[in-house]
């Protein structure tokens, strides 16, 4: 069994844990965090593992993995910001809300200038 299978298996475990976190977390913001962290690492490891298993595909899979590594957190940030601007409420169990002042609509920013 080559290293590629171990790396892909590690990635699959993280993808499973990320999907479990998305299922179990109470609100959008916690789901984004659970989903983004686990799926970024899981997809990266799975794709790199495929490149290790099939060496002729390595550079292609490496480029895809770097693309996932760069775009997944950015898209998650955009979803979180859109949720904040849309005033999606936090879970009742949340003790501290540190997002005050971070989420403003573009119209409010233009009015303050």
PDB file of N, CA and C in Angstrom:
ATOM      1  N   UNK A   1       0.851  -1.177   0.000  1.00  0.00           N
ATOM      2  CA  UNK A   1       0.000   0.000   0.000  1.00  0.00           C
ATOM      3  C   UNK A   1       0.900   1.245   0.000  1.00  0.00           C
ATOM      4  N   UNK A   2       0.668   2.112  -0.984  1.00  0.00           N
ATOM      5  CA  UNK A   2       1.539   3.271  -1.122  1.00  0.00           C
ATOM      6  C   UNK A   2       1.078   4.426  -0.232  1.00  0.00           C
ATOM      7  N   UNK A   3       1.914   5.440  -0.157  1.00  0.00           N
ATOM      8  CA  UNK A   3       1.602   6.626   0.647  1.00  0.00           C
ATOM      9  C   UNK A   3       0.363   7.335   0.139  1.00  0.00           C
ATOM     10  N   UNK A   4       0.118   7.242  -1.150  1.00  0.00           N
ATOM     11  CA  UNK A   4      -1.038   7.914  -1.727  1.00  0.00           C
ATOM     12  C   UNK A   4      -2.353   7.450  -1.123  1.00  0.00           C
ATOM     13  N   UNK A   5      -2.459   6.156  -0.853  1.00  0.00           N
ATOM     14  CA  UNK A   5      -3.688   5.626  -0.243  1.00  0.00           C
ATOM     15  C   UNK A   5      -3.856   6.144   1.173  1.00  0.00           C
ATOM     16  N   UNK A   6      -2.749   6.255   1.910  1.00  0.00           N
ATOM     17  CA  UNK A   6      -2.826   6.781   3.276  1.00  0.00           C
ATOM     18  C   UNK A   6      -3.228   8.250   3.274  1.00  0.00           C
ATOM     19  N   UNK A   7      -2.650   9.020   2.360  1.00  0.00           N
ATOM     20  CA  UNK A   7      -2.965  10.449   2.280  1.00  0.00           C
ATOM     21  C   UNK A   7      -4.423  10.637   1.864  1.00  0.00           C
ATOM     22  N   UNK A   8      -4.877   9.866   0.883  1.00  0.00           N
ATOM     23  CA  UNK A   8      -6.281   9.952   0.457  1.00  0.00           C
ATOM     24  C   UNK A   8      -7.223   9.517   1.570  1.00  0.00           C
ATOM     25  N   UNK A   9      -6.859   8.461   2.294  1.00  0.00           N
ATOM     26  CA  UNK A   9      -7.683   8.010   3.414  1.00  0.00           C
ATOM     27  C   UNK A   9      -7.773   9.057   4.512  1.00  0.00           C
ATOM     28  N   UNK A  10      -6.659   9.725   4.792  1.00  0.00           N
ATOM     29  CA  UNK A  10      -6.634  10.827   5.759  1.00  0.00           C
ATOM     30  C   UNK A  10      -7.582  11.934   5.302  1.00  0.00           C
ATOM     31  N   UNK A  11      -7.551  12.253   4.012  1.00  0.00           N
ATOM     32  CA  UNK A  11      -8.439  13.268   3.463  1.00  0.00           C
ATOM     33  C   UNK A  11      -9.900  12.882   3.545  1.00  0.00           C
ATOM     34  N   UNK A  12     -10.191  11.623   3.275  1.00  0.00           N
ATOM     35  CA  UNK A  12     -11.577  11.148   3.355  1.00  0.00           C
ATOM     36  C   UNK A  12     -12.097  11.238   4.793  1.00  0.00           C
ATOM     37  N   UNK A  13     -11.248  10.920   5.757  1.00  0.00           N
ATOM     38  CA  UNK A  13     -11.656  11.035   7.169  1.00  0.00           C
ATOM     39  C   UNK A  13     -11.991  12.489   7.499  1.00  0.00           C
ATOM     40  N   UNK A  14     -11.168  13.431   7.051  1.00  0.00           N
ATOM     41  CA  UNK A  14     -11.457  14.841   7.312  1.00  0.00           C
ATOM     42  C   UNK A  14     -12.715  15.306   6.584  1.00  0.00           C
ATOM     43  N   UNK A  15     -12.937  14.819   5.374  1.00  0.00           N
ATOM     44  CA  UNK A  15     -14.174  15.175   4.670  1.00  0.00           C
ATOM     45  C   UNK A  15     -15.394  14.649   5.426  1.00  0.00           C
ATOM     46  N   UNK A  16     -15.295  13.435   5.956  1.00  0.00           N
ATOM     47  CA  UNK A  16     -16.399  12.881   6.737  1.00  0.00           C
ATOM     48  C   UNK A  16     -16.639  13.702   8.005  1.00  0.00           C
ATOM     49  N   UNK A  17     -15.560  14.056   8.709  1.00  0.00           N
ATOM     50  CA  UNK A  17     -15.708  14.850   9.927  1.00  0.00           C
ATOM     51  C   UNK A  17     -16.288  16.234   9.622  1.00  0.00           C
ATOM     52  N   UNK A  18     -15.917  16.805   8.492  1.00  0.00           N
ATOM     53  CA  UNK A  18     -16.480  18.095   8.094  1.00  0.00           C
ATOM     54  C   UNK A  18     -17.967  17.994   7.808  1.00  0.00           C
ATOM     55  N   UNK A  19     -18.380  16.941   7.134  1.00  0.00           N
ATOM     56  CA  UNK A  19     -19.816  16.775   6.863  1.00  0.00           C
ATOM     57  C   UNK A  19     -20.579  16.508   8.158  1.00  0.00           C
ATOM     58  N   UNK A  20     -19.982  15.783   9.074  1.00  0.00           N
ATOM     59  CA  UNK A  20     -20.607  15.562  10.373  1.00  0.00           C
ATOM     60  C   UNK A  20     -20.728  16.877  11.146  1.00  0.00           C
ATOM     61  N   UNK A  21     -19.712  17.729  11.060  1.00  0.00           N
ATOM     62  CA  UNK A  21     -19.752  19.026  11.711  1.00  0.00           C
ATOM     63  C   UNK A  21     -20.822  19.926  11.120  1.00  0.00           C
ATOM     64  N   UNK A  22     -20.987  19.893   9.800  1.00  0.00           N
ATOM     65  CA  UNK A  22     -22.035  20.690   9.156  1.00  0.00           C
ATOM     66  C   UNK A  22     -23.405  20.207   9.614  1.00  0.00           C
ATOM     67  N   UNK A  23     -23.552  18.918   9.780  1.00  0.00           N
ATOM     68  CA  UNK A  23     -24.829  18.354  10.227  1.00  0.00           C
ATOM     69  C   UNK A  23     -25.126  18.705  11.687  1.00  0.00           C
ATOM     70  N   UNK A  24     -24.113  18.704  12.535  1.00  0.00           N
ATOM     71  CA  UNK A  24     -24.336  18.849  13.975  1.00  0.00           C
ATOM     72  C   UNK A  24     -24.322  20.282  14.503  1.00  0.00           C
ATOM     73  N   UNK A  25     -23.682  21.197  13.814  1.00  0.00           N
ATOM     74  CA  UNK A  25     -23.549  22.567  14.325  1.00  0.00           C
ATOM     75  C   UNK A  25     -24.880  23.315  14.272  1.00  0.00           C
ATOM     76  N   UNK A  26     -25.111  24.251  15.215  1.00  0.00           N
ATOM     77  CA  UNK A  26     -26.433  24.852  15.367  1.00  0.00           C
ATOM     78  C   UNK A  26     -26.765  26.005  14.418  1.00  0.00           C
ATOM     79  N   UNK A  27     -25.767  26.757  13.941  1.00  0.00           N
ATOM     80  CA  UNK A  27     -26.105  27.899  13.100  1.00  0.00           C
ATOM     81  C   UNK A  27     -25.153  28.008  11.906  1.00  0.00           C
ATOM     82  N   UNK A  28     -25.455  28.963  11.043  1.00  0.00           N
ATOM     83  CA  UNK A  28     -24.716  29.115   9.786  1.00  0.00           C
ATOM     84  C   UNK A  28     -23.235  29.360  10.028  1.00  0.00           C
ATOM     85  N   UNK A  29     -22.901  30.171  10.982  1.00  0.00           N
ATOM     86  CA  UNK A  29     -21.515  30.559  11.201  1.00  0.00           C
ATOM     87  C   UNK A  29     -20.670  29.379  11.701  1.00  0.00           C
ATOM     88  N   UNK A  30     -21.219  28.598  12.604  1.00  0.00           N
ATOM     89  CA  UNK A  30     -20.502  27.401  13.076  1.00  0.00           C
ATOM     90  C   UNK A  30     -20.392  26.368  11.968  1.00  0.00           C
ATOM     91  N   UNK A  31     -21.415  26.239  11.165  1.00  0.00           N
ATOM     92  CA  UNK A  31     -21.369  25.292  10.050  1.00  0.00           C
ATOM     93  C   UNK A  31     -20.319  25.700   9.030  1.00  0.00           C
ATOM     94  N   UNK A  32     -20.218  26.988   8.776  1.00  0.00           N
ATOM     95  CA  UNK A  32     -19.184  27.460   7.845  1.00  0.00           C
ATOM     96  C   UNK A  32     -17.791  27.124   8.349  1.00  0.00           C
ATOM     97  N   UNK A  33     -17.570  27.333   9.634  1.00  0.00           N
ATOM     98  CA  UNK A  33     -16.255  27.044  10.193  1.00  0.00           C
ATOM     99  C   UNK A  33     -15.942  25.552  10.119  1.00  0.00           C
ATOM    100  N   UNK A  34     -16.891  24.729  10.541  1.00  0.00           N
ATOM    101  CA  UNK A  34     -16.666  23.274  10.530  1.00  0.00           C
ATOM    102  C   UNK A  34     -16.478  22.772   9.105  1.00  0.00           C
ATOM    103  N   UNK A  35     -17.307  23.270   8.218  1.00  0.00           N
ATOM    104  CA  UNK A  35     -17.214  22.820   6.837  1.00  0.00           C
ATOM    105  C   UNK A  35     -15.954  23.275   6.141  1.00  0.00           C
ATOM    106  N   UNK A  36     -15.559  24.501   6.354  1.00  0.00           N
ATOM    107  CA  UNK A  36     -14.409  25.039   5.631  1.00  0.00           C
ATOM    108  C   UNK A  36     -13.104  24.418   6.075  1.00  0.00           C
ATOM    109  N   UNK A  37     -12.875  24.356   7.365  1.00  0.00           N
ATOM    110  CA  UNK A  37     -11.590  23.840   7.844  1.00  0.00           C
ATOM    111  C   UNK A  37     -11.392  22.379   7.452  1.00  0.00           C
ATOM    112  N   UNK A  38     -12.415  21.577   7.683  1.00  0.00           N
ATOM    113  CA  UNK A  38     -12.278  20.150   7.400  1.00  0.00           C
ATOM    114  C   UNK A  38     -12.271  19.853   5.901  1.00  0.00           C
ATOM    115  N   UNK A  39     -13.121  20.522   5.149  1.00  0.00           N
ATOM    116  CA  UNK A  39     -13.168  20.203   3.717  1.00  0.00           C
ATOM    117  C   UNK A  39     -11.950  20.745   2.978  1.00  0.00           C
ATOM    118  N   UNK A  40     -11.368  21.824   3.442  1.00  0.00           N
ATOM    119  CA  UNK A  40     -10.151  22.309   2.798  1.00  0.00           C
ATOM    120  C   UNK A  40      -9.024  21.295   2.964  1.00  0.00           C
ATOM    121  N   UNK A  41      -8.791  20.865   4.189  1.00  0.00           N
ATOM    122  CA  UNK A  41      -7.741  19.875   4.424  1.00  0.00           C
ATOM    123  C   UNK A  41      -8.098  18.530   3.804  1.00  0.00           C
ATOM    124  N   UNK A  42      -9.366  18.130   3.915  1.00  0.00           N
ATOM    125  CA  UNK A  42      -9.774  16.843   3.363  1.00  0.00           C
ATOM    126  C   UNK A  42      -9.661  16.783   1.853  1.00  0.00           C
ATOM    127  N   UNK A  43     -10.137  17.810   1.169  1.00  0.00           N
ATOM    128  CA  UNK A  43     -10.039  17.838  -0.291  1.00  0.00           C
ATOM    129  C   UNK A  43      -8.583  17.926  -0.732  1.00  0.00           C
ATOM    130  N   UNK A  44      -7.794  18.748  -0.038  1.00  0.00           N
ATOM    131  CA  UNK A  44      -6.378  18.871  -0.381  1.00  0.00           C
ATOM    132  C   UNK A  44      -5.673  17.526  -0.284  1.00  0.00           C
ATOM    133  N   UNK A  45      -5.857  16.829   0.832  1.00  0.00           N
ATOM    134  CA  UNK A  45      -5.185  15.536   1.024  1.00  0.00           C
ATOM    135  C   UNK A  45      -5.687  14.483   0.040  1.00  0.00           C
ATOM    136  N   UNK A  46      -6.989  14.454  -0.203  1.00  0.00           N
ATOM    137  CA  UNK A  46      -7.536  13.471  -1.129  1.00  0.00           C
ATOM    138  C   UNK A  46      -7.005  13.694  -2.541  1.00  0.00           C
ATOM    139  N   UNK A  47      -6.987  14.934  -2.978  1.00  0.00           N
ATOM    140  CA  UNK A  47      -6.517  15.233  -4.333  1.00  0.00           C
ATOM    141  C   UNK A  47      -5.017  14.959  -4.468  1.00  0.00           C
ATOM    142  N   UNK A  48      -4.236  15.352  -3.473  1.00  0.00           N
ATOM    143  CA  UNK A  48      -2.792  15.071  -3.510  1.00  0.00           C
ATOM    144  C   UNK A  48      -2.546  13.558  -3.462  1.00  0.00           C
ATOM    145  N   UNK A  49      -3.347  12.834  -2.678  1.00  0.00           N
ATOM    146  CA  UNK A  49      -3.223  11.379  -2.620  1.00  0.00           C
ATOM    147  C   UNK A  49      -3.447  10.729  -3.974  1.00  0.00           C
ATOM    148  N   UNK A  50      -4.403  11.231  -4.728  1.00  0.00           N
ATOM    149  CA  UNK A  50      -4.641  10.717  -6.083  1.00  0.00           C
ATOM    150  C   UNK A  50      -3.423  11.001  -6.954  1.00  0.00           C
ATOM    151  N   UNK A  51      -2.826  12.175  -6.789  1.00  0.00           N
ATOM    152  CA  UNK A  51      -1.618  12.494  -7.545  1.00  0.00           C
ATOM    153  C   UNK A  51      -0.441  11.605  -7.179  1.00  0.00           C
ATOM    154  N   UNK A  52      -0.370  11.189  -5.926  1.00  0.00           N
ATOM    155  CA  UNK A  52       0.710  10.280  -5.513  1.00  0.00           C
ATOM    156  C   UNK A  52       0.447   8.874  -6.049  1.00  0.00           C
ATOM    157  N   UNK A  53      -0.806   8.448  -6.040  1.00  0.00           N
ATOM    158  CA  UNK A  53      -1.151   7.111  -6.553  1.00  0.00           C
ATOM    159  C   UNK A  53      -0.876   7.018  -8.052  1.00  0.00           C
ATOM    160  N   UNK A  54      -1.233   8.055  -8.781  1.00  0.00           N
ATOM    161  CA  UNK A  54      -1.033   8.090 -10.234  1.00  0.00           C
ATOM    162  C   UNK A  54      -0.032   9.204 -10.557  1.00  0.00           C
ATOM    163  N   UNK A  55       1.270   8.892 -10.581  1.00  0.00           N
ATOM    164  CA  UNK A  55       2.299   9.935 -10.719  1.00  0.00           C
ATOM    165  C   UNK A  55       2.182  10.784 -11.985  1.00  0.00           C
ATOM    166  N   UNK A  56       1.617  10.264 -13.056  1.00  0.00           N
ATOM    167  CA  UNK A  56       1.490  11.070 -14.274  1.00  0.00           C
ATOM    168  C   UNK A  56       0.477  12.203 -14.095  1.00  0.00           C
ATOM    169  N   UNK A  57      -0.377  12.118 -13.097  1.00  0.00           N
ATOM    170  CA  UNK A  57      -1.375  13.156 -12.822  1.00  0.00           C
ATOM    171  C   UNK A  57      -0.937  14.118 -11.729  1.00  0.00           C
ATOM    172  N   UNK A  58       0.249  13.928 -11.162  1.00  0.00           N
ATOM    173  CA  UNK A  58       0.618  14.659  -9.964  1.00  0.00           C
ATOM    174  C   UNK A  58       0.541  16.167 -10.130  1.00  0.00           C
ATOM    175  N   UNK A  59       1.133  16.729 -11.176  1.00  0.00           N
ATOM    176  CA  UNK A  59       1.153  18.184 -11.309  1.00  0.00           C
ATOM    177  C   UNK A  59      -0.237  18.757 -11.554  1.00  0.00           C
ATOM    178  N   UNK A  60      -1.070  18.019 -12.269  1.00  0.00           N
ATOM    179  CA  UNK A  60      -2.446  18.463 -12.472  1.00  0.00           C
ATOM    180  C   UNK A  60      -3.198  18.471 -11.151  1.00  0.00           C
ATOM    181  N   UNK A  61      -3.060  17.403 -10.383  1.00  0.00           N
ATOM    182  CA  UNK A  61      -3.745  17.344  -9.094  1.00  0.00           C
ATOM    183  C   UNK A  61      -3.170  18.368  -8.116  1.00  0.00           C
ATOM    184  N   UNK A  62      -1.884  18.650  -8.215  1.00  0.00           N
ATOM    185  CA  UNK A  62      -1.269  19.661  -7.355  1.00  0.00           C
ATOM    186  C   UNK A  62      -1.862  21.043  -7.638  1.00  0.00           C
ATOM    187  N   UNK A  63      -2.041  21.383  -8.898  1.00  0.00           N
ATOM    188  CA  UNK A  63      -2.629  22.675  -9.263  1.00  0.00           C
ATOM    189  C   UNK A  63      -4.068  22.754  -8.764  1.00  0.00           C
ATOM    190  N   UNK A  64      -4.827  21.670  -8.919  1.00  0.00           N
ATOM    191  CA  UNK A  64      -6.215  21.638  -8.431  1.00  0.00           C
ATOM    192  C   UNK A  64      -6.247  21.798  -6.909  1.00  0.00           C
ATOM    193  N   UNK A  65      -5.348  21.111  -6.208  1.00  0.00           N
ATOM    194  CA  UNK A  65      -5.308  21.189  -4.741  1.00  0.00           C
ATOM    195  C   UNK A  65      -4.951  22.592  -4.263  1.00  0.00           C
ATOM    196  N   UNK A  66      -4.025  23.251  -4.921  1.00  0.00           N
ATOM    197  CA  UNK A  66      -3.668  24.622  -4.548  1.00  0.00           C
ATOM    198  C   UNK A  66      -4.857  25.551  -4.810  1.00  0.00           C
ATOM    199  N   UNK A  67      -5.569  25.331  -5.915  1.00  0.00           N
ATOM    200  CA  UNK A  67      -6.763  26.125  -6.207  1.00  0.00           C
ATOM    201  C   UNK A  67      -7.800  25.958  -5.095  1.00  0.00           C
ATOM    202  N   UNK A  68      -8.035  24.731  -4.657  1.00  0.00           N
ATOM    203  CA  UNK A  68      -8.977  24.478  -3.560  1.00  0.00           C
ATOM    204  C   UNK A  68      -8.481  25.138  -2.275  1.00  0.00           C
ATOM    205  N   UNK A  69      -7.197  25.040  -2.016  1.00  0.00           N
ATOM    206  CA  UNK A  69      -6.605  25.620  -0.810  1.00  0.00           C
ATOM    207  C   UNK A  69      -6.772  27.139  -0.774  1.00  0.00           C
ATOM    208  N   UNK A  70      -6.745  27.784  -1.932  1.00  0.00           N
ATOM    209  CA  UNK A  70      -6.885  29.234  -1.978  1.00  0.00           C
ATOM    210  C   UNK A  70      -8.338  29.698  -2.023  1.00  0.00           C
ATOM    211  N   UNK A  71      -9.191  28.985  -2.737  1.00  0.00           N
ATOM    212  CA  UNK A  71     -10.553  29.481  -2.960  1.00  0.00           C
ATOM    213  C   UNK A  71     -11.552  29.066  -1.893  1.00  0.00           C
ATOM    214  N   UNK A  72     -11.360  27.950  -1.235  1.00  0.00           N
ATOM    215  CA  UNK A  72     -12.328  27.486  -0.245  1.00  0.00           C
ATOM    216  C   UNK A  72     -12.475  28.464   0.930  1.00  0.00           C
ATOM    217  N   UNK A  73     -11.405  28.944   1.544  1.00  0.00           N
ATOM    218  CA  UNK A  73     -11.577  29.927   2.629  1.00  0.00           C
ATOM    219  C   UNK A  73     -12.164  31.262   2.149  1.00  0.00           C
ATOM    220  N   UNK A  74     -11.829  31.673   0.934  1.00  0.00           N
ATOM    221  CA  UNK A  74     -12.360  32.935   0.410  1.00  0.00           C
ATOM    222  C   UNK A  74     -13.861  32.826   0.191  1.00  0.00           C
ATOM    223  N   UNK A  75     -14.310  31.712  -0.372  1.00  0.00           N
ATOM    224  CA  UNK A  75     -15.752  31.542  -0.594  1.00  0.00           C
ATOM    225  C   UNK A  75     -16.497  31.416   0.739  1.00  0.00           C
ATOM    226  N   UNK A  76     -15.887  30.785   1.711  1.00  0.00           N
ATOM    227  CA  UNK A  76     -16.502  30.684   3.031  1.00  0.00           C
ATOM    228  C   UNK A  76     -16.622  32.052   3.682  1.00  0.00           C
ATOM    229  N   UNK A  77     -15.606  32.880   3.530  1.00  0.00           N
ATOM    230  CA  UNK A  77     -15.660  34.237   4.068  1.00  0.00           C
ATOM    231  C   UNK A  77     -16.782  35.034   3.407  1.00  0.00           C
ATOM    232  N   UNK A  78     -16.931  34.880   2.099  1.00  0.00           N
ATOM    233  CA  UNK A  78     -17.994  35.590   1.390  1.00  0.00           C
ATOM    234  C   UNK A  78     -19.371  35.134   1.872  1.00  0.00           C
ATOM    235  N   UNK A  79     -19.544  33.836   2.100  1.00  0.00           N
ATOM    236  CA  UNK A  79     -20.816  33.330   2.617  1.00  0.00           C
ATOM    237  C   UNK A  79     -21.083  33.842   4.031  1.00  0.00           C
ATOM    238  N   UNK A  80     -20.076  33.863   4.865  1.00  0.00           N
ATOM    239  CA  UNK A  80     -20.239  34.364   6.223  1.00  0.00           C
ATOM    240  C   UNK A  80     -20.563  35.845   6.257  1.00  0.00           C
ATOM    241  N   UNK A  81     -19.912  36.607   5.410  1.00  0.00           N
ATOM    242  CA  UNK A  81     -20.187  38.044   5.352  1.00  0.00           C
ATOM    243  C   UNK A  81     -21.597  38.304   4.837  1.00  0.00           C
ATOM    244  N   UNK A  82     -22.012  37.550   3.819  1.00  0.00           N
ATOM    245  CA  UNK A  82     -23.374  37.701   3.298  1.00  0.00           C
ATOM    246  C   UNK A  82     -24.405  37.335   4.363  1.00  0.00           C
ATOM    247  N   UNK A  83     -24.123  36.317   5.140  1.00  0.00           N
ATOM    248  CA  UNK A  83     -25.026  35.942   6.235  1.00  0.00           C
ATOM    249  C   UNK A  83     -25.090  37.039   7.281  1.00  0.00           C
ATOM    250  N   UNK A  84     -23.960  37.642   7.575  1.00  0.00           N
ATOM    251  CA  UNK A  84     -23.919  38.710   8.567  1.00  0.00           C
ATOM    252  C   UNK A  84     -24.663  39.949   8.066  1.00  0.00           C
ATOM    253  N   UNK A  85     -24.468  40.308   6.812  1.00  0.00           N
ATOM    254  CA  UNK A  85     -25.159  41.454   6.234  1.00  0.00           C
ATOM    255  C   UNK A  85     -26.654  41.202   6.169  1.00  0.00           C
ATOM    256  N   UNK A  86     -27.049  39.947   5.916  1.00  0.00           N
ATOM    257  CA  UNK A  86     -28.474  39.591   5.864  1.00  0.00           C
ATOM    258  C   UNK A  86     -29.080  39.449   7.247  1.00  0.00           C
ATOM    259  N   UNK A  87     -28.258  39.670   8.260  1.00  0.00           N
ATOM    260  CA  UNK A  87     -28.694  39.614   9.658  1.00  0.00           C
ATOM    261  C   UNK A  87     -29.213  38.235  10.067  1.00  0.00           C
ATOM    262  N   UNK A  88     -28.496  37.195   9.656  1.00  0.00           N
ATOM    263  CA  UNK A  88     -28.809  35.843  10.107  1.00  0.00           C
ATOM    264  C   UNK A  88     -28.413  35.756  11.574  1.00  0.00           C
ATOM    265  N   UNK A  89     -29.314  35.310  12.401  1.00  0.00           N
ATOM    266  CA  UNK A  89     -29.101  35.291  13.855  1.00  0.00           C
ATOM    267  C   UNK A  89     -28.142  34.177  14.255  1.00  0.00           C
ATOM    268  N   UNK A  90     -27.445  34.436  15.353  1.00  0.00           N
ATOM    269  CA  UNK A  90     -26.601  33.416  15.964  1.00  0.00           C
ATOM    270  C   UNK A  90     -27.471  32.441  16.749  1.00  0.00           C
ATOM    271  N   UNK A  91     -26.895  31.320  17.097  1.00  0.00           N
ATOM    272  CA  UNK A  91     -27.565  30.340  17.935  1.00  0.00           C
ATOM    273  C   UNK A  91     -27.802  30.937  19.331  1.00  0.00           C
ATOM    274  N   UNK A  92     -28.848  30.493  19.994  1.00  0.00           N
ATOM    275  CA  UNK A  92     -29.150  31.002  21.344  1.00  0.00           C
ATOM    276  C   UNK A  92     -28.052  30.662  22.339  1.00  0.00           C
ATOM    277  N   UNK A  93     -27.308  29.597  22.099  1.00  0.00           N
ATOM    278  CA  UNK A  93     -26.255  29.170  23.016  1.00  0.00           C
ATOM    279  C   UNK A  93     -24.993  30.015  22.910  1.00  0.00           C
ATOM    280  N   UNK A  94     -24.901  30.847  21.895  1.00  0.00           N
ATOM    281  CA  UNK A  94     -23.716  31.666  21.700  1.00  0.00           C
ATOM    282  C   UNK A  94     -23.627  32.718  22.795  1.00  0.00           C
ATOM    283  N   UNK A  95     -22.509  32.760  23.468  1.00  0.00           N
ATOM    284  CA  UNK A  95     -22.323  33.666  24.602  1.00  0.00           C
ATOM    285  C   UNK A  95     -21.811  35.042  24.167  1.00  0.00           C
ATOM    286  N   UNK A  96     -20.853  35.090  23.236  1.00  0.00           N
ATOM    287  CA  UNK A  96     -20.213  36.339  22.849  1.00  0.00           C
ATOM    288  C   UNK A  96     -20.365  36.534  21.340  1.00  0.00           C
ATOM    289  N   UNK A  97     -20.804  37.704  20.941  1.00  0.00           N
ATOM    290  CA  UNK A  97     -20.904  38.058  19.533  1.00  0.00           C
ATOM    291  C   UNK A  97     -19.855  39.128  19.243  1.00  0.00           C
ATOM    292  N   UNK A  98     -18.788  38.738  18.552  1.00  0.00           N
ATOM    293  CA  UNK A  98     -17.710  39.674  18.262  1.00  0.00           C
ATOM    294  C   UNK A  98     -17.836  40.280  16.871  1.00  0.00           C
ATOM    295  N   UNK A  99     -18.981  40.106  16.226  1.00  0.00           N
ATOM    296  CA  UNK A  99     -19.143  40.611  14.870  1.00  0.00           C
ATOM    297  C   UNK A  99     -19.709  42.023  14.811  1.00  0.00           C
ATOM    298  N   UNK A 100     -19.916  42.656  15.973  1.00  0.00           N
ATOM    299  CA  UNK A 100     -20.443  44.023  15.979  1.00  0.00           C
ATOM    300  C   UNK A 100     -19.488  44.957  15.245  1.00  0.00           C
ATOM    301  N   UNK A 101     -20.027  45.675  14.274  1.00  0.00           N
ATOM    302  CA  UNK A 101     -19.226  46.633  13.533  1.00  0.00           C
ATOM    303  C   UNK A 101     -18.481  46.050  12.346  1.00  0.00           C
ATOM    304  N   UNK A 102     -18.433  44.740  12.195  1.00  0.00           N
ATOM    305  CA  UNK A 102     -17.745  44.141  11.069  1.00  0.00           C
ATOM    306  C   UNK A 102     -18.637  44.011   9.846  1.00  0.00           C
ATOM    307  N   UNK A 103     -19.906  43.795  10.060  1.00  0.00           N
ATOM    308  CA  UNK A 103     -20.826  43.540   8.957  1.00  0.00           C
ATOM    309  C   UNK A 103     -21.710  44.748   8.728  1.00  0.00           C
ATOM    310  N   UNK A 104     -21.390  45.486   7.700  1.00  0.00           N
ATOM    311  CA  UNK A 104     -22.215  46.615   7.312  1.00  0.00           C
ATOM    312  C   UNK A 104     -22.509  46.483   5.823  1.00  0.00           C
ATOM    313  N   UNK A 105     -23.648  46.947   5.447  1.00  0.00           N
ATOM    314  CA  UNK A 105     -23.983  46.927   4.033  1.00  0.00           C
ATOM    315  C   UNK A 105     -23.217  48.029   3.321  1.00  0.00           C
ATOM    316  N   UNK A 106     -23.056  47.867   2.019  1.00  0.00           N
ATOM    317  CA  UNK A 106     -22.305  48.835   1.236  1.00  0.00           C
ATOM    318  C   UNK A 106     -22.958  50.220   1.287  1.00  0.00           C
ATOM    319  N   UNK A 107     -24.286  50.285   1.344  1.00  0.00           N
ATOM    320  CA  UNK A 107     -24.981  51.573   1.384  1.00  0.00           C
ATOM    321  C   UNK A 107     -24.632  52.346   2.649  1.00  0.00           C
ATOM    322  N   UNK A 108     -24.518  51.645   3.767  1.00  0.00           N
ATOM    323  CA  UNK A 108     -24.185  52.299   5.019  1.00  0.00           C
ATOM    324  C   UNK A 108     -22.769  52.863   4.972  1.00  0.00           C
ATOM    325  N   UNK A 109     -21.861  52.148   4.314  1.00  0.00           N
ATOM    326  CA  UNK A 109     -20.475  52.620   4.199  1.00  0.00           C
ATOM    327  C   UNK A 109     -20.425  53.877   3.360  1.00  0.00           C
ATOM    328  N   UNK A 110     -21.213  53.948   2.273  1.00  0.00           N
ATOM    329  CA  UNK A 110     -21.227  55.123   1.406  1.00  0.00           C
ATOM    330  C   UNK A 110     -21.807  56.328   2.129  1.00  0.00           C
ATOM    331  N   UNK A 111     -22.822  56.117   2.976  1.00  0.00           N
ATOM    332  CA  UNK A 111     -23.438  57.219   3.716  1.00  0.00           C
ATOM    333  C   UNK A 111     -22.491  57.819   4.744  1.00  0.00           C
ATOM    334  N   UNK A 112     -21.625  56.982   5.309  1.00  0.00           N
ATOM    335  CA  UNK A 112     -20.708  57.450   6.343  1.00  0.00           C
ATOM    336  C   UNK A 112     -19.501  58.168   5.780  1.00  0.00           C
ATOM    337  N   UNK A 113     -19.240  58.056   4.484  1.00  0.00           N
ATOM    338  CA  UNK A 113     -18.046  58.659   3.890  1.00  0.00           C
ATOM    339  C   UNK A 113     -18.194  60.139   3.701  1.00  0.00           C
TER     340      UNK A 113
END
